[in-house]
C-alpha atoms as a PDB file:
ATOM      1  CA  UNK A   1      86.336 149.901  68.690  1.00  0.00           C
ATOM      2  CA  UNK A   2      89.365 149.772  71.007  1.00  0.00           C
ATOM      3  CA  UNK A   3      91.087 147.103  68.920  1.00  0.00           C
ATOM      4  CA  UNK A   4      90.410 148.892  65.631  1.00  0.00           C
ATOM      5  CA  UNK A   5      91.814 152.096  67.119  1.00  0.00           C
ATOM      6  CA  UNK A   6      94.986 150.258  68.146  1.00  0.00           C
ATOM      7  CA  UNK A   7      95.301 148.840  64.622  1.00  0.00           C
ATOM      8  CA  UNK A   8      95.057 152.340  63.135  1.00  0.00           C
ATOM      9  CA  UNK A   9      97.779 153.537  65.522  1.00  0.00           C
ATOM     10  CA  UNK A  10      99.939 150.518  64.682  1.00  0.00           C
ATOM     11  CA  UNK A  11      99.616 151.036  60.943  1.00  0.00           C
ATOM     12  CA  UNK A  12     100.373 154.733  61.328  1.00  0.00           C
ATOM     13  CA  UNK A  13     103.533 153.835  63.265  1.00  0.00           C
ATOM     14  CA  UNK A  14     104.567 151.386  60.550  1.00  0.00           C
ATOM     15  CA  UNK A  15     103.539 153.242  57.430  1.00  0.00           C
ATOM     16  CA  UNK A  16     102.773 156.836  58.356  1.00  0.00           C
ATOM     17  CA  UNK A  17     104.806 160.005  58.567  1.00  0.00           C
ATOM     18  CA  UNK A  18     107.625 159.833  61.169  1.00  0.00           C
ATOM     19  CA  UNK A  19     106.265 162.995  62.784  1.00  0.00           C
ATOM     20  CA  UNK A  20     103.244 160.989  63.970  1.00  0.00           C
ATOM     21  CA  UNK A  21     105.545 158.659  65.888  1.00  0.00           C
ATOM     22  CA  UNK A  22     107.425 161.598  67.375  1.00  0.00           C
ATOM     23  CA  UNK A  23     104.224 163.327  68.482  1.00  0.00           C
ATOM     24  CA  UNK A  24     102.805 160.117  69.929  1.00  0.00           C
ATOM     25  CA  UNK A  25     106.028 159.488  71.827  1.00  0.00           C
ATOM     26  CA  UNK A  26     106.061 163.015  73.228  1.00  0.00           C
ATOM     27  CA  UNK A  27     102.436 162.751  74.297  1.00  0.00           C
ATOM     28  CA  UNK A  28     102.884 159.283  75.821  1.00  0.00           C
ATOM     29  CA  UNK A  29     105.551 160.656  78.142  1.00  0.00           C
ATOM     30  CA  UNK A  30     102.892 162.889  79.695  1.00  0.00           C
ATOM     31  CA  UNK A  31     100.011 160.405  79.642  1.00  0.00           C
ATOM     32  CA  UNK A  32      99.911 156.664  79.001  1.00  0.00           C
ATOM     33  CA  UNK A  33      97.497 156.795  76.096  1.00  0.00           C
ATOM     34  CA  UNK A  34      97.961 153.093  75.291  1.00  0.00           C
ATOM     35  CA  UNK A  35      97.300 151.985  78.869  1.00  0.00           C
ATOM     36  CA  UNK A  36      94.412 149.489  78.604  1.00  0.00           C
ATOM     37  CA  UNK A  37      95.149 147.317  81.637  1.00  0.00           C
ATOM     38  CA  UNK A  38      91.502 147.552  82.777  1.00  0.00           C
ATOM     39  CA  UNK A  39      89.953 147.086  79.337  1.00  0.00           C
ATOM     40  CA  UNK A  40      87.153 144.533  78.970  1.00  0.00           C
ATOM     41  CA  UNK A  41      84.593 143.987  76.237  1.00  0.00           C
ATOM     42  CA  UNK A  42      81.109 144.915  77.442  1.00  0.00           C
ATOM     43  CA  UNK A  43      79.749 145.594  73.972  1.00  0.00           C
ATOM     44  CA  UNK A  44      77.014 142.929  73.959  1.00  0.00           C
ATOM     45  CA  UNK A  45      74.197 142.581  76.522  1.00  0.00           C
ATOM     46  CA  UNK A  46      74.294 139.293  78.407  1.00  0.00           C
ATOM     47  CA  UNK A  47      70.977 139.487  80.204  1.00  0.00           C
ATOM     48  CA  UNK A  48      68.914 138.428  77.187  1.00  0.00           C
ATOM     49  CA  UNK A  49      70.980 135.314  76.501  1.00  0.00           C
ATOM     50  CA  UNK A  50      70.479 131.831  77.849  1.00  0.00           C
ATOM     51  CA  UNK A  51      72.767 130.836  80.703  1.00  0.00           C
ATOM     52  CA  UNK A  52      74.822 128.469  78.557  1.00  0.00           C
ATOM     53  CA  UNK A  53      75.233 131.059  75.827  1.00  0.00           C
ATOM     54  CA  UNK A  54      76.045 133.708  78.422  1.00  0.00           C
ATOM     55  CA  UNK A  55      78.935 131.646  79.726  1.00  0.00           C
ATOM     56  CA  UNK A  56      80.236 131.111  76.189  1.00  0.00           C
ATOM     57  CA  UNK A  57      80.007 134.825  75.460  1.00  0.00           C
ATOM     58  CA  UNK A  58      81.754 135.823  78.687  1.00  0.00           C
ATOM     59  CA  UNK A  59      84.543 133.357  77.982  1.00  0.00           C
ATOM     60  CA  UNK A  60      84.916 134.661  74.424  1.00  0.00           C
ATOM     61  CA  UNK A  61      84.863 138.299  75.534  1.00  0.00           C
ATOM     62  CA  UNK A  62      87.464 137.571  78.206  1.00  0.00           C
ATOM     63  CA  UNK A  63      89.843 135.948  75.689  1.00  0.00           C
ATOM     64  CA  UNK A  64      89.482 138.824  73.242  1.00  0.00           C
ATOM     65  CA  UNK A  65      89.795 141.512  75.921  1.00  0.00           C
ATOM     66  CA  UNK A  66      92.959 139.878  77.246  1.00  0.00           C
ATOM     67  CA  UNK A  67      94.476 139.927  73.764  1.00  0.00           C
ATOM     68  CA  UNK A  68      93.621 143.603  73.258  1.00  0.00           C
ATOM     69  CA  UNK A  69      95.406 144.422  76.520  1.00  0.00           C
ATOM     70  CA  UNK A  70      98.562 142.549  75.486  1.00  0.00           C
ATOM     71  CA  UNK A  71      98.463 144.196  72.051  1.00  0.00           C
ATOM     72  CA  UNK A  72      98.323 147.624  73.694  1.00  0.00           C
ATOM     73  CA  UNK A  73     101.314 146.679  75.860  1.00  0.00           C
ATOM     74  CA  UNK A  74     103.237 145.706  72.725  1.00  0.00           C
ATOM     75  CA  UNK A  75     102.511 149.048  71.053  1.00  0.00           C
ATOM     76  CA  UNK A  76     103.486 150.896  74.213  1.00  0.00           C
ATOM     77  CA  UNK A  77     106.766 148.958  74.338  1.00  0.00           C
ATOM     78  CA  UNK A  78     107.300 149.698  70.657  1.00  0.00           C
ATOM     79  CA  UNK A  79     107.300 153.412  71.422  1.00  0.00           C
ATOM     80  CA  UNK A  80     109.660 152.909  74.358  1.00  0.00           C
ATOM     81  CA  UNK A  81     112.034 150.895  72.170  1.00  0.00           C
ATOM     82  CA  UNK A  82     112.070 153.697  69.611  1.00  0.00           C
ATOM     83  CA  UNK A  83     112.866 156.190  72.371  1.00  0.00           C
ATOM     84  CA  UNK A  84     115.914 154.133  73.398  1.00  0.00           C
ATOM     85  CA  UNK A  85     117.153 153.113  69.946  1.00  0.00           C
ATOM     86  CA  UNK A  86     116.446 156.482  68.292  1.00  0.00           C
ATOM     87  CA  UNK A  87     115.290 154.654  65.166  1.00  0.00           C
ATOM     88  CA  UNK A  88     112.330 152.464  64.219  1.00  0.00           C
ATOM     89  CA  UNK A  89     113.361 148.837  63.883  1.00  0.00           C
ATOM     90  CA  UNK A  90     110.521 148.160  61.428  1.00  0.00           C
ATOM     91  CA  UNK A  91     111.347 151.115  59.177  1.00  0.00           C
ATOM     92  CA  UNK A  92     115.048 150.282  59.173  1.00  0.00           C
ATOM     93  CA  UNK A  93     116.385 149.512  55.728  1.00  0.00           C
ATOM     94  CA  UNK A  94     119.004 146.801  55.768  1.00  0.00           C
ATOM     95  CA  UNK A  95     122.180 147.624  53.839  1.00  0.00           C
ATOM     96  CA  UNK A  96     122.748 146.028  50.486  1.00  0.00           C
ATOM     97  CA  UNK A  97     124.671 142.797  50.854  1.00  0.00           C
ATOM     98  CA  UNK A  98     128.327 142.791  49.924  1.00  0.00           C
ATOM     99  CA  UNK A  99     129.732 140.209  47.577  1.00  0.00           C
ATOM    100  CA  UNK A 100     129.627 136.787  49.142  1.00  0.00           C
ATOM    101  CA  UNK A 101     126.749 137.668  51.506  1.00  0.00           C
ATOM    102  CA  UNK A 102     123.285 136.326  50.855  1.00  0.00           C
ATOM    103  CA  UNK A 103     121.454 138.992  52.881  1.00  0.00           C
ATOM    104  CA  UNK A 104     121.824 142.307  54.614  1.00  0.00           C
ATOM    105  CA  UNK A 105     122.068 142.759  58.340  1.00  0.00           C
ATOM    106  CA  UNK A 106     120.770 144.987  61.102  1.00  0.00           C
ATOM    107  CA  UNK A 107     122.670 147.952  62.472  1.00  0.00           C
ATOM    108  CA  UNK A 108     123.031 146.065  65.771  1.00  0.00           C
ATOM    109  CA  UNK A 109     125.760 144.112  63.980  1.00  0.00           C
ATOM    110  CA  UNK A 110     128.006 147.199  64.045  1.00  0.00           C
ATOM    111  CA  UNK A 111     127.267 148.778  67.446  1.00  0.00           C
ATOM    112  CA  UNK A 112     129.958 149.212  70.078  1.00  0.00           C
ATOM    113  CA  UNK A 113     129.692 147.428  73.436  1.00  0.00           C
ATOM    114  CA  UNK A 114     127.979 150.268  75.273  1.00  0.00           C
ATOM    115  CA  UNK A 115     125.352 150.707  72.558  1.00  0.00           C
ATOM    116  CA  UNK A 116     124.782 146.949  72.386  1.00  0.00           C
ATOM    117  CA  UNK A 117     124.137 146.697  76.112  1.00  0.00           C
ATOM    118  CA  UNK A 118     121.616 149.523  75.831  1.00  0.00           C
ATOM    119  CA  UNK A 119     119.792 148.463  72.677  1.00  0.00           C
ATOM    120  CA  UNK A 120     119.689 144.671  73.019  1.00  0.00           C
ATOM    121  CA  UNK A 121     117.769 144.678  76.346  1.00  0.00           C
ATOM    122  CA  UNK A 122     115.270 147.130  74.821  1.00  0.00           C
ATOM    123  CA  UNK A 123     114.796 144.882  71.791  1.00  0.00           C
ATOM    124  CA  UNK A 124     114.463 141.813  74.001  1.00  0.00           C
ATOM    125  CA  UNK A 125     111.788 143.516  76.086  1.00  0.00           C
ATOM    126  CA  UNK A 126     109.947 144.413  72.871  1.00  0.00           C
ATOM    127  CA  UNK A 127     110.161 140.784  71.745  1.00  0.00           C
ATOM    128  CA  UNK A 128     108.842 139.724  75.156  1.00  0.00           C
ATOM    129  CA  UNK A 129     105.761 141.896  74.650  1.00  0.00           C
ATOM    130  CA  UNK A 130     105.392 140.588  71.097  1.00  0.00           C
ATOM    131  CA  UNK A 131     105.454 136.943  72.210  1.00  0.00           C
ATOM    132  CA  UNK A 132     102.803 137.887  74.768  1.00  0.00           C
ATOM    133  CA  UNK A 133     100.475 138.580  71.821  1.00  0.00           C
ATOM    134  CA  UNK A 134     100.004 134.840  71.324  1.00  0.00           C
ATOM    135  CA  UNK A 135      96.215 134.429  71.042  1.00  0.00           C
ATOM    136  CA  UNK A 136      94.337 131.948  73.188  1.00  0.00           C
ATOM    137  CA  UNK A 137      90.821 130.557  73.244  1.00  0.00           C
ATOM    138  CA  UNK A 138      88.227 132.507  71.301  1.00  0.00           C
ATOM    139  CA  UNK A 139      90.786 135.161  70.360  1.00  0.00           C
ATOM    140  CA  UNK A 140      92.357 132.727  67.887  1.00  0.00           C
ATOM    141  CA  UNK A 141      89.299 132.750  65.636  1.00  0.00           C
ATOM    142  CA  UNK A 142      88.518 136.463  65.859  1.00  0.00           C
ATOM    143  CA  UNK A 143      88.985 138.056  62.427  1.00  0.00           C
ATOM    144  CA  UNK A 144      89.998 141.515  63.672  1.00  0.00           C
ATOM    145  CA  UNK A 145      92.501 140.004  66.105  1.00  0.00           C
ATOM    146  CA  UNK A 146      93.972 137.919  63.285  1.00  0.00           C
ATOM    147  CA  UNK A 147      94.419 141.075  61.219  1.00  0.00           C
ATOM    148  CA  UNK A 148      96.265 142.788  64.081  1.00  0.00           C
ATOM    149  CA  UNK A 149      98.253 139.632  64.773  1.00  0.00           C
ATOM    150  CA  UNK A 150      99.477 139.631  61.167  1.00  0.00           C
ATOM    151  CA  UNK A 151     100.988 143.087  61.746  1.00  0.00           C
ATOM    152  CA  UNK A 152     102.638 141.874  64.949  1.00  0.00           C
ATOM    153  CA  UNK A 153     103.948 138.767  63.227  1.00  0.00           C
ATOM    154  CA  UNK A 154     105.540 140.786  60.427  1.00  0.00           C
ATOM    155  CA  UNK A 155     107.389 142.915  62.966  1.00  0.00           C
ATOM    156  CA  UNK A 156     108.749 139.856  64.754  1.00  0.00           C
ATOM    157  CA  UNK A 157     110.971 139.010  61.784  1.00  0.00           C
ATOM    158  CA  UNK A 158     113.032 142.209  61.928  1.00  0.00           C
ATOM    159  CA  UNK A 159     113.080 142.290  65.713  1.00  0.00           C
ATOM    160  CA  UNK A 160     114.459 138.758  65.803  1.00  0.00           C
ATOM    161  CA  UNK A 161     116.983 139.591  63.077  1.00  0.00           C
ATOM    162  CA  UNK A 162     118.171 142.659  65.005  1.00  0.00           C
ATOM    163  CA  UNK A 163     118.580 140.657  68.219  1.00  0.00           C
ATOM    164  CA  UNK A 164     120.329 137.788  66.460  1.00  0.00           C
ATOM    165  CA  UNK A 165     122.791 140.114  64.703  1.00  0.00           C
ATOM    166  CA  UNK A 166     123.334 141.928  67.985  1.00  0.00           C
ATOM    167  CA  UNK A 167     124.148 138.660  69.775  1.00  0.00           C
ATOM    168  CA  UNK A 168     126.727 137.803  67.090  1.00  0.00           C
ATOM    169  CA  UNK A 169     128.287 141.227  67.611  1.00  0.00           C
ATOM    170  CA  UNK A 170     128.145 140.819  71.390  1.00  0.00           C
ATOM    171  CA  UNK A 171     129.971 137.478  71.254  1.00  0.00           C
ATOM    172  CA  UNK A 172     132.678 139.014  69.066  1.00  0.00           C
ATOM    173  CA  UNK A 173     133.232 141.781  71.625  1.00  0.00           C
ATOM    174  CA  UNK A 174     132.662 139.799  74.818  1.00  0.00           C
ATOM    175  CA  UNK A 175     136.272 138.964  75.694  1.00  0.00           C
ATOM    176  CA  UNK A 176     137.276 142.602  75.338  1.00  0.00           C
ATOM    177  CA  UNK A 177     134.646 143.824  77.794  1.00  0.00           C
ATOM    178  CA  UNK A 178     135.378 144.928  81.351  1.00  0.00           C
ATOM    179  CA  UNK A 179     133.817 142.710  83.974  1.00  0.00           C
ATOM    180  CA  UNK A 180     130.716 144.832  84.657  1.00  0.00           C
ATOM    181  CA  UNK A 181     129.843 144.882  80.949  1.00  0.00           C
ATOM    182  CA  UNK A 182     130.521 141.157  80.613  1.00  0.00           C
ATOM    183  CA  UNK A 183     128.068 140.402  83.445  1.00  0.00           C
ATOM    184  CA  UNK A 184     125.331 142.343  81.641  1.00  0.00           C
ATOM    185  CA  UNK A 185     126.260 140.726  78.322  1.00  0.00           C
ATOM    186  CA  UNK A 186     125.908 137.264  79.868  1.00  0.00           C
ATOM    187  CA  UNK A 187     122.371 138.088  81.013  1.00  0.00           C
ATOM    188  CA  UNK A 188     121.498 139.272  77.494  1.00  0.00           C
ATOM    189  CA  UNK A 189     122.982 136.090  75.993  1.00  0.00           C
ATOM    190  CA  UNK A 190     120.998 133.845  78.349  1.00  0.00           C
ATOM    191  CA  UNK A 191     117.760 135.669  77.634  1.00  0.00           C
ATOM    192  CA  UNK A 192     118.335 135.344  73.886  1.00  0.00           C
ATOM    193  CA  UNK A 193     118.334 131.558  74.251  1.00  0.00           C
ATOM    194  CA  UNK A 194     115.156 131.562  76.311  1.00  0.00           C
ATOM    195  CA  UNK A 195     113.387 133.857  73.860  1.00  0.00           C
ATOM    196  CA  UNK A 196     114.351 131.747  70.854  1.00  0.00           C
ATOM    197  CA  UNK A 197     112.380 128.863  72.376  1.00  0.00           C
ATOM    198  CA  UNK A 198     109.409 131.078  73.251  1.00  0.00           C
ATOM    199  CA  UNK A 199     109.377 132.639  69.778  1.00  0.00           C
ATOM    200  CA  UNK A 200     109.431 129.174  68.219  1.00  0.00           C
ATOM    201  CA  UNK A 201     106.291 128.256  70.188  1.00  0.00           C
ATOM    202  CA  UNK A 202     104.673 131.541  69.119  1.00  0.00           C
ATOM    203  CA  UNK A 203     105.418 130.795  65.471  1.00  0.00           C
ATOM    204  CA  UNK A 204     103.953 127.296  65.745  1.00  0.00           C
ATOM    205  CA  UNK A 205     100.633 128.803  66.835  1.00  0.00           C
ATOM    206  CA  UNK A 206     100.714 131.391  64.046  1.00  0.00           C
ATOM    207  CA  UNK A 207     101.587 128.850  61.351  1.00  0.00           C
ATOM    208  CA  UNK A 208      98.261 127.147  61.951  1.00  0.00           C
ATOM    209  CA  UNK A 209      96.332 130.325  61.142  1.00  0.00           C
ATOM    210  CA  UNK A 210      95.145 131.526  57.746  1.00  0.00           C
ATOM    211  CA  UNK A 211      96.917 134.861  58.196  1.00  0.00           C
ATOM    212  CA  UNK A 212     100.359 133.224  58.045  1.00  0.00           C
ATOM    213  CA  UNK A 213      99.816 131.133  54.927  1.00  0.00           C
ATOM    214  CA  UNK A 214     102.089 133.284  52.737  1.00  0.00           C
ATOM    215  CA  UNK A 215     104.626 134.263  55.396  1.00  0.00           C
ATOM    216  CA  UNK A 216     108.215 133.094  55.252  1.00  0.00           C
ATOM    217  CA  UNK A 217     109.304 132.402  58.808  1.00  0.00           C
ATOM    218  CA  UNK A 218     112.968 132.850  59.757  1.00  0.00           C
ATOM    219  CA  UNK A 219     115.085 129.923  60.864  1.00  0.00           C
ATOM    220  CA  UNK A 220     115.496 130.408  64.605  1.00  0.00           C
ATOM    221  CA  UNK A 221     118.965 129.787  65.953  1.00  0.00           C
ATOM    222  CA  UNK A 222     119.378 129.460  69.690  1.00  0.00           C
ATOM    223  CA  UNK A 223     122.752 130.807  70.899  1.00  0.00           C
ATOM    224  CA  UNK A 224     125.004 127.820  71.729  1.00  0.00           C
ATOM    225  CA  UNK A 225     124.617 126.873  75.393  1.00  0.00           C
ATOM    226  CA  UNK A 226     128.141 125.448  75.349  1.00  0.00           C
ATOM    227  CA  UNK A 227     129.495 128.992  75.117  1.00  0.00           C
ATOM    228  CA  UNK A 228     127.958 129.923  78.476  1.00  0.00           C
ATOM    229  CA  UNK A 229     130.629 128.108  80.483  1.00  0.00           C
ATOM    230  CA  UNK A 230     133.378 129.997  78.645  1.00  0.00           C
ATOM    231  CA  UNK A 231     131.633 133.310  79.265  1.00  0.00           C
ATOM    232  CA  UNK A 232     131.142 132.550  82.960  1.00  0.00           C
ATOM    233  CA  UNK A 233     134.785 131.553  83.336  1.00  0.00           C
ATOM    234  CA  UNK A 234     135.889 134.838  81.761  1.00  0.00           C
ATOM    235  CA  UNK A 235     133.728 136.762  84.241  1.00  0.00           C
ATOM    236  CA  UNK A 236     135.155 134.853  87.204  1.00  0.00           C
ATOM    237  CA  UNK A 237     138.711 135.641  86.135  1.00  0.00           C
ATOM    238  CA  UNK A 238     138.137 139.227  84.975  1.00  0.00           C
ATOM    239  CA  UNK A 239     139.454 141.821  87.435  1.00  0.00           C
ATOM    240  CA  UNK A 240     136.856 143.751  89.377  1.00  0.00           C
ATOM    241  CA  UNK A 241     136.894 147.511  88.909  1.00  0.00           C
ATOM    242  CA  UNK A 242     137.887 149.189  92.153  1.00  0.00           C
ATOM    243  CA  UNK A 243     136.688 152.760  92.557  1.00  0.00           C
ATOM    244  CA  UNK A 244     139.358 155.206  93.673  1.00  0.00           C
ATOM    245  CA  UNK A 245     138.240 158.200  95.746  1.00  0.00           C
ATOM    246  CA  UNK A 246     138.798 161.464  93.915  1.00  0.00           C
ATOM    247  CA  UNK A 247     138.246 163.802  96.857  1.00  0.00           C
ATOM    248  CA  UNK A 248     141.353 164.924  98.735  1.00  0.00           C
ATOM    249  CA  UNK A 249     141.899 163.239 102.073  1.00  0.00           C
END
C-alpha cells in the first residue's frame, strides 16, 4: 500500500495539475509526509511458514522495504529541488533547436553564475537520491517496484541533461568567477564526474530489466579530468576577497 501510494503521488507530480505540487510542497514544509525512514513490510504473517521460507520472506521483505524508503527519499528531494529551482525539471519543455543544432537544451545552459551555483547542487542532490533507487536482491524482481523504477528512470534523462548543460555553462563562465564562486564551481565539477560513473552503473542494472526494453539511454559524458588542474591553478592564483569594515572607527 505504501509503495502504491508513493507511485500515485509521483504520477500526480509528473502529470497532474501544478497546484497539487504547490500544495504538497507547502504541506511538506510543515510535516514530512514522505518520511518513511522506519518503514518495513509486515504485511504477511511469518509464524505459519517453515523456517527456511521465513528467512526467504524476511530477506525479500527487507529488500523491498529498503527500496520503498529510498524511493520516498527521492520524491522528497524532488519537492526540495522544485522549491529551489522554482520550476519542475520533468515538466520543463526544451526550446526548439536552432538551425545547426540536433536537439534542444535545458535552461541551465543559460543561467548566470549565481543561479548555476544554486541550481546545480540541488540537481546533483536529486540525482544522488535517484541513483540510490537502484534495486537490490528481491526488489529487482518485484513488479510494482519495477513500475515505480520506470518512472524514476524516465526522470533521470532530463535531470542528467540539465546537469550536463549546466556544467557546460559553468565551464564557460569559470574563468570570470571570483575566487569564492570558483571554489564552489570546482566542487560541482568534481561531483559531476563522480555521478556520471555512478549513473552509468545504475543504467547497467536497469538495462537488464524488462521495464527498460524500449528506453533510449543517453550517452553519458564524464567532464574531462584534465580540466581540473587548470581550474585548480586558477583558484590558487585568483585574489582572495578581503572584507573591508563599513562601521566608522
